[in-house]
Amino acid sequence: MYSQPTTSSPLPQQTPQQVQQELVSESCMDFFLMEMVDTICRTTITEPDADIDAVFYKLETLGFSVGQRLIEKLTKDRPRFVDTLDVVKFICKDLWTIMFKKQIDNLKTNHRGVYVLQDNNFRWFMRLSTDVGGADSAKKATPFLWFPCGIIRGALANLGVTSVVVAETSNLPQCTFQIKIAA
């Protein structure tokens, strides 16, 4: 006859290191991300002075979808989080470890719904080449931050936290992500 469906997963709970081993090759992922950003920029912006909001929207939306799916896989066997700070700590430790093989370097909060995540050696900037002097390197690197902004926002959304995520960089490879929780 038929067996009763179970509520728990037949797979054992996995650590971030175990999940990481099942994912894509590191160098392939780095090159894919560089090409994805470049392709979206080239195909979306047709004029040199065109508005880059369309590029932001496409990259952030792709990241949002990836963030939702990734966090679903990471949290399927975990108990629900108690508060928003626990969710953000999970992003800083576990999600960041899966994506960048290290935890976030610094987490600050004003305890009023604003969190600042600082990564001093953002992995996706490590392979980007810049001009000598690099005066506008930070500006050119900005589109590469929109995809991870979407990943963070998608992960938070799937954990029940509505937010706005913005990123900035002034000294490559350092970057800062600011999360504003919607009231």
C-alpha atoms as a PDB file:
ATOM      1  CA  MET A   1       0.000   0.000   0.000  1.00  0.00           C
ATOM      2  CA  TYR A   2       0.907   3.654   0.199  1.00  0.00           C
ATOM      3  CA  SER A   3       3.155   5.011   2.901  1.00  0.00           C
ATOM      4  CA  GLN A   4       2.282   8.086   4.905  1.00  0.00           C
ATOM      5  CA  PRO A   5       3.990  11.268   3.714  1.00  0.00           C
ATOM      6  CA  THR A   6       6.570  12.595   6.106  1.00  0.00           C
ATOM      7  CA  THR A   7       6.942  16.223   7.070  1.00  0.00           C
ATOM      8  CA  SER A   8      10.704  16.155   7.424  1.00  0.00           C
ATOM      9  CA  SER A   9      13.136  16.037   4.563  1.00  0.00           C
ATOM     10  CA  PRO A  10      14.734  12.656   3.806  1.00  0.00           C
ATOM     11  CA  LEU A  11      18.037  14.514   3.435  1.00  0.00           C
ATOM     12  CA  PRO A  12      20.038  15.324   6.552  1.00  0.00           C
ATOM     13  CA  GLN A  13      20.507  18.965   7.498  1.00  0.00           C
ATOM     14  CA  GLN A  14      23.583  20.314   5.740  1.00  0.00           C
ATOM     15  CA  THR A  15      26.201  22.744   6.946  1.00  0.00           C
ATOM     16  CA  PRO A  16      27.182  25.711   4.732  1.00  0.00           C
ATOM     17  CA  GLN A  17      30.403  23.887   3.846  1.00  0.00           C
ATOM     18  CA  GLN A  18      28.464  20.827   2.658  1.00  0.00           C
ATOM     19  CA  VAL A  19      26.104  22.946   0.566  1.00  0.00           C
ATOM     20  CA  GLN A  20      29.071  24.820  -0.881  1.00  0.00           C
ATOM     21  CA  GLN A  21      30.636  21.578  -2.107  1.00  0.00           C
ATOM     22  CA  GLU A  22      27.516  20.819  -4.143  1.00  0.00           C
ATOM     23  CA  LEU A  23      27.465  24.135  -5.946  1.00  0.00           C
ATOM     24  CA  VAL A  24      29.193  25.501  -9.059  1.00  0.00           C
ATOM     25  CA  SER A  25      32.930  25.837  -9.658  1.00  0.00           C
ATOM     26  CA  GLU A  26      34.295  29.025  -8.126  1.00  0.00           C
ATOM     27  CA  SER A  27      36.083  30.339 -11.208  1.00  0.00           C
ATOM     28  CA  CYS A  28      33.142  29.497 -13.482  1.00  0.00           C
ATOM     29  CA  MET A  29      30.814  31.413 -11.190  1.00  0.00           C
ATOM     30  CA  ASP A  30      33.138  34.436 -11.075  1.00  0.00           C
ATOM     31  CA  PHE A  31      33.430  34.556 -14.867  1.00  0.00           C
ATOM     32  CA  PHE A  32      29.703  33.972 -15.303  1.00  0.00           C
ATOM     33  CA  LEU A  33      28.896  36.922 -13.035  1.00  0.00           C
ATOM     34  CA  MET A  34      31.333  39.197 -14.866  1.00  0.00           C
ATOM     35  CA  GLU A  35      29.854  38.234 -18.231  1.00  0.00           C
ATOM     36  CA  MET A  36      26.275  38.463 -16.955  1.00  0.00           C
ATOM     37  CA  VAL A  37      26.781  42.052 -15.767  1.00  0.00           C
ATOM     38  CA  ASP A  38      28.649  42.998 -18.944  1.00  0.00           C
ATOM     39  CA  THR A  39      26.013  41.446 -21.211  1.00  0.00           C
ATOM     40  CA  ILE A  40      23.103  43.071 -19.393  1.00  0.00           C
ATOM     41  CA  CYS A  41      24.876  46.439 -19.515  1.00  0.00           C
ATOM     42  CA  ARG A  42      25.651  46.110 -23.242  1.00  0.00           C
ATOM     43  CA  THR A  43      22.197  44.906 -24.278  1.00  0.00           C
ATOM     44  CA  THR A  44      20.209  47.262 -22.075  1.00  0.00           C
ATOM     45  CA  ILE A  45      22.045  50.534 -22.548  1.00  0.00           C
ATOM     46  CA  THR A  46      22.042  51.508 -26.213  1.00  0.00           C
ATOM     47  CA  GLU A  47      23.121  55.136 -25.818  1.00  0.00           C
ATOM     48  CA  PRO A  48      26.227  56.300 -23.936  1.00  0.00           C
ATOM     49  CA  ASP A  49      24.233  58.654 -21.684  1.00  0.00           C
ATOM     50  CA  ALA A  50      21.260  56.336 -21.253  1.00  0.00           C
ATOM     51  CA  ASP A  51      19.674  55.911 -17.860  1.00  0.00           C
ATOM     52  CA  ILE A  52      21.070  52.857 -16.089  1.00  0.00           C
ATOM     53  CA  ASP A  53      17.918  52.205 -14.049  1.00  0.00           C
ATOM     54  CA  ALA A  54      16.954  49.418 -16.466  1.00  0.00           C
ATOM     55  CA  VAL A  55      20.293  47.690 -15.843  1.00  0.00           C
ATOM     56  CA  PHE A  56      19.815  48.042 -12.092  1.00  0.00           C
ATOM     57  CA  TYR A  57      16.312  46.593 -12.342  1.00  0.00           C
ATOM     58  CA  LYS A  58      17.399  43.561 -14.382  1.00  0.00           C
ATOM     59  CA  LEU A  59      20.422  42.703 -12.213  1.00  0.00           C
ATOM     60  CA  GLU A  60      18.616  43.294  -8.929  1.00  0.00           C
ATOM     61  CA  THR A  61      15.623  41.225 -10.051  1.00  0.00           C
ATOM     62  CA  LEU A  62      17.877  38.330 -11.070  1.00  0.00           C
ATOM     63  CA  GLY A  63      19.624  38.548  -7.707  1.00  0.00           C
ATOM     64  CA  PHE A  64      16.280  38.645  -5.891  1.00  0.00           C
ATOM     65  CA  SER A  65      15.229  35.380  -7.526  1.00  0.00           C
ATOM     66  CA  VAL A  66      18.576  33.732  -6.724  1.00  0.00           C
ATOM     67  CA  GLY A  67      18.406  34.958  -3.117  1.00  0.00           C
ATOM     68  CA  GLN A  68      14.928  33.519  -2.632  1.00  0.00           C
ATOM     69  CA  ARG A  69      15.928  30.122  -3.957  1.00  0.00           C
ATOM     70  CA  LEU A  70      19.251  29.972  -2.148  1.00  0.00           C
ATOM     71  CA  ILE A  71      17.812  30.899   1.244  1.00  0.00           C
ATOM     72  CA  GLU A  72      15.029  28.365   0.793  1.00  0.00           C
ATOM     73  CA  LYS A  73      17.611  25.631   0.352  1.00  0.00           C
ATOM     74  CA  LEU A  74      19.686  26.827   3.312  1.00  0.00           C
ATOM     75  CA  THR A  75      16.818  27.154   5.783  1.00  0.00           C
ATOM     76  CA  LYS A  76      14.524  24.273   4.875  1.00  0.00           C
ATOM     77  CA  ASP A  77      15.355  22.256   8.011  1.00  0.00           C
ATOM     78  CA  ARG A  78      15.957  25.143  10.412  1.00  0.00           C
ATOM     79  CA  PRO A  79      13.536  26.538  12.960  1.00  0.00           C
ATOM     80  CA  ARG A  80      12.053  29.953  12.198  1.00  0.00           C
ATOM     81  CA  PHE A  81      14.065  32.985  13.217  1.00  0.00           C
ATOM     82  CA  VAL A  82      12.950  34.885  16.303  1.00  0.00           C
ATOM     83  CA  ASP A  83      13.674  38.436  15.190  1.00  0.00           C
ATOM     84  CA  THR A  84      15.102  40.505  12.363  1.00  0.00           C
ATOM     85  CA  LEU A  85      18.567  40.709  13.926  1.00  0.00           C
ATOM     86  CA  ASP A  86      18.803  36.897  13.863  1.00  0.00           C
ATOM     87  CA  VAL A  87      17.846  36.926  10.179  1.00  0.00           C
ATOM     88  CA  VAL A  88      20.514  39.514   9.345  1.00  0.00           C
ATOM     89  CA  LYS A  89      23.119  37.577  11.361  1.00  0.00           C
ATOM     90  CA  PHE A  90      22.224  34.463   9.354  1.00  0.00           C
ATOM     91  CA  ILE A  91      22.762  36.439   6.134  1.00  0.00           C
ATOM     92  CA  CYS A  92      26.138  37.705   7.419  1.00  0.00           C
ATOM     93  CA  LYS A  93      27.402  34.316   8.551  1.00  0.00           C
ATOM     94  CA  ASP A  94      25.817  31.451   6.644  1.00  0.00           C
ATOM     95  CA  LEU A  95      24.681  33.008   3.367  1.00  0.00           C
ATOM     96  CA  TRP A  96      27.881  35.049   3.004  1.00  0.00           C
ATOM     97  CA  THR A  97      29.964  31.926   3.689  1.00  0.00           C
ATOM     98  CA  ILE A  98      28.154  30.049   0.922  1.00  0.00           C
ATOM     99  CA  MET A  99      28.534  32.883  -1.565  1.00  0.00           C
ATOM    100  CA  PHE A 100      31.976  34.286  -0.708  1.00  0.00           C
ATOM    101  CA  LYS A 101      33.731  31.648   1.454  1.00  0.00           C
ATOM    102  CA  LYS A 102      33.940  34.036   4.391  1.00  0.00           C
ATOM    103  CA  GLN A 103      31.689  35.834   6.823  1.00  0.00           C
ATOM    104  CA  ILE A 104      30.894  39.510   6.518  1.00  0.00           C
ATOM    105  CA  ASP A 105      33.658  41.612   8.090  1.00  0.00           C
ATOM    106  CA  ASN A 106      31.493  44.059  10.011  1.00  0.00           C
ATOM    107  CA  LEU A 107      27.808  44.335  10.935  1.00  0.00           C
ATOM    108  CA  LYS A 108      26.425  47.526  12.439  1.00  0.00           C
ATOM    109  CA  THR A 109      22.871  48.463  13.340  1.00  0.00           C
ATOM    110  CA  ASN A 110      21.083  51.446  14.803  1.00  0.00           C
ATOM    111  CA  HIS A 111      18.429  49.088  16.284  1.00  0.00           C
ATOM    112  CA  ARG A 112      15.785  51.007  14.313  1.00  0.00           C
ATOM    113  CA  GLY A 113      15.686  48.881  11.194  1.00  0.00           C
ATOM    114  CA  VAL A 114      18.946  49.881   9.500  1.00  0.00           C
ATOM    115  CA  TYR A 115      21.798  47.393   9.156  1.00  0.00           C
ATOM    116  CA  VAL A 116      25.174  48.080   7.560  1.00  0.00           C
ATOM    117  CA  LEU A 117      27.186  45.106   6.283  1.00  0.00           C
ATOM    118  CA  GLN A 118      30.803  45.782   5.381  1.00  0.00           C
ATOM    119  CA  ASP A 119      32.981  43.448   3.344  1.00  0.00           C
ATOM    120  CA  ASN A 120      36.610  44.595   3.233  1.00  0.00           C
ATOM    121  CA  ASN A 121      37.618  42.188   0.441  1.00  0.00           C
ATOM    122  CA  PHE A 122      34.508  41.664  -1.645  1.00  0.00           C
ATOM    123  CA  ARG A 123      35.229  38.498  -3.574  1.00  0.00           C
ATOM    124  CA  TRP A 124      33.557  39.540  -6.828  1.00  0.00           C
ATOM    125  CA  PHE A 125      35.802  42.611  -7.008  1.00  0.00           C
ATOM    126  CA  MET A 126      39.014  40.626  -6.624  1.00  0.00           C
ATOM    127  CA  ARG A 127      39.139  39.570 -10.299  1.00  0.00           C
ATOM    128  CA  LEU A 128      38.022  42.868 -11.797  1.00  0.00           C
ATOM    129  CA  SER A 129      40.737  44.734 -13.635  1.00  0.00           C
ATOM    130  CA  THR A 130      40.923  48.499 -13.331  1.00  0.00           C
ATOM    131  CA  ASP A 131      42.730  51.307 -15.112  1.00  0.00           C
ATOM    132  CA  VAL A 132      45.973  52.592 -13.680  1.00  0.00           C
ATOM    133  CA  GLY A 133      45.060  55.120 -11.040  1.00  0.00           C
ATOM    134  CA  GLY A 134      41.495  53.793 -11.053  1.00  0.00           C
ATOM    135  CA  ALA A 135      39.795  57.146 -10.490  1.00  0.00           C
ATOM    136  CA  ASP A 136      36.450  55.898 -11.773  1.00  0.00           C
ATOM    137  CA  SER A 137      36.904  52.245 -10.792  1.00  0.00           C
ATOM    138  CA  ALA A 138      34.291  52.473  -8.049  1.00  0.00           C
ATOM    139  CA  LYS A 139      31.751  53.873 -10.517  1.00  0.00           C
ATOM    140  CA  LYS A 140      32.464  51.093 -13.009  1.00  0.00           C
ATOM    141  CA  ALA A 141      32.203  48.464 -10.253  1.00  0.00           C
ATOM    142  CA  THR A 142      28.776  49.638  -9.068  1.00  0.00           C
ATOM    143  CA  PRO A 143      26.728  47.419 -11.445  1.00  0.00           C
ATOM    144  CA  PHE A 144      28.510  44.390  -9.964  1.00  0.00           C
ATOM    145  CA  LEU A 145      26.929  45.256  -6.596  1.00  0.00           C
ATOM    146  CA  TRP A 146      23.345  45.252  -7.857  1.00  0.00           C
ATOM    147  CA  PHE A 147      23.149  41.473  -8.243  1.00  0.00           C
ATOM    148  CA  PRO A 148      24.253  40.782  -4.623  1.00  0.00           C
ATOM    149  CA  CYS A 149      21.869  43.539  -3.440  1.00  0.00           C
ATOM    150  CA  GLY A 150      19.091  41.529  -5.048  1.00  0.00           C
ATOM    151  CA  ILE A 151      20.362  38.307  -3.475  1.00  0.00           C
ATOM    152  CA  ILE A 152      20.257  39.893  -0.013  1.00  0.00           C
ATOM    153  CA  ARG A 153      16.802  41.394  -0.594  1.00  0.00           C
ATOM    154  CA  GLY A 154      15.449  38.101  -1.978  1.00  0.00           C
ATOM    155  CA  ALA A 155      16.849  36.122   0.948  1.00  0.00           C
ATOM    156  CA  LEU A 156      15.340  38.566   3.427  1.00  0.00           C
ATOM    157  CA  ALA A 157      11.991  38.526   1.605  1.00  0.00           C
ATOM    158  CA  ASN A 158      11.825  34.740   1.754  1.00  0.00           C
ATOM    159  CA  LEU A 159      12.485  34.951   5.491  1.00  0.00           C
ATOM    160  CA  GLY A 160       9.582  37.377   5.909  1.00  0.00           C
ATOM    161  CA  VAL A 161      11.575  40.620   6.070  1.00  0.00           C
ATOM    162  CA  THR A 162      10.640  43.340   3.588  1.00  0.00           C
ATOM    163  CA  SER A 163      13.611  45.571   2.918  1.00  0.00           C
ATOM    164  CA  VAL A 164      15.486  47.922   0.637  1.00  0.00           C
ATOM    165  CA  VAL A 165      19.151  47.086   0.011  1.00  0.00           C
ATOM    166  CA  VAL A 166      21.648  49.560  -1.408  1.00  0.00           C
ATOM    167  CA  ALA A 167      25.385  49.148  -1.872  1.00  0.00           C
ATOM    168  CA  GLU A 168      28.312  51.468  -2.318  1.00  0.00           C
ATOM    169  CA  THR A 169      32.024  51.249  -2.759  1.00  0.00           C
ATOM    170  CA  SER A 170      34.721  53.857  -2.607  1.00  0.00           C
ATOM    171  CA  ASN A 171      37.891  51.811  -2.099  1.00  0.00           C
ATOM    172  CA  LEU A 172      37.976  48.615  -4.125  1.00  0.00           C
ATOM    173  CA  PRO A 173      37.714  45.779  -3.114  1.00  0.00           C
ATOM    174  CA  GLN A 174      35.805  47.090  -0.082  1.00  0.00           C
ATOM    175  CA  CYS A 175      32.038  47.513  -0.262  1.00  0.00           C
ATOM    176  CA  THR A 176      29.167  48.306   2.059  1.00  0.00           C
ATOM    177  CA  PHE A 177      25.587  47.043   1.897  1.00  0.00           C
ATOM    178  CA  GLN A 178      22.912  48.997   3.729  1.00  0.00           C
ATOM    179  CA  ILE A 179      19.691  47.185   4.583  1.00  0.00           C
ATOM    180  CA  LYS A 180      16.651  49.270   5.507  1.00  0.00           C
ATOM    181  CA  ILE A 181      13.839  47.203   6.949  1.00  0.00           C
ATOM    182  CA  ALA A 182      10.368  48.348   5.876  1.00  0.00           C
ATOM    183  CA  ALA A 183       8.155  49.328   8.795  1.00  0.00           C
END
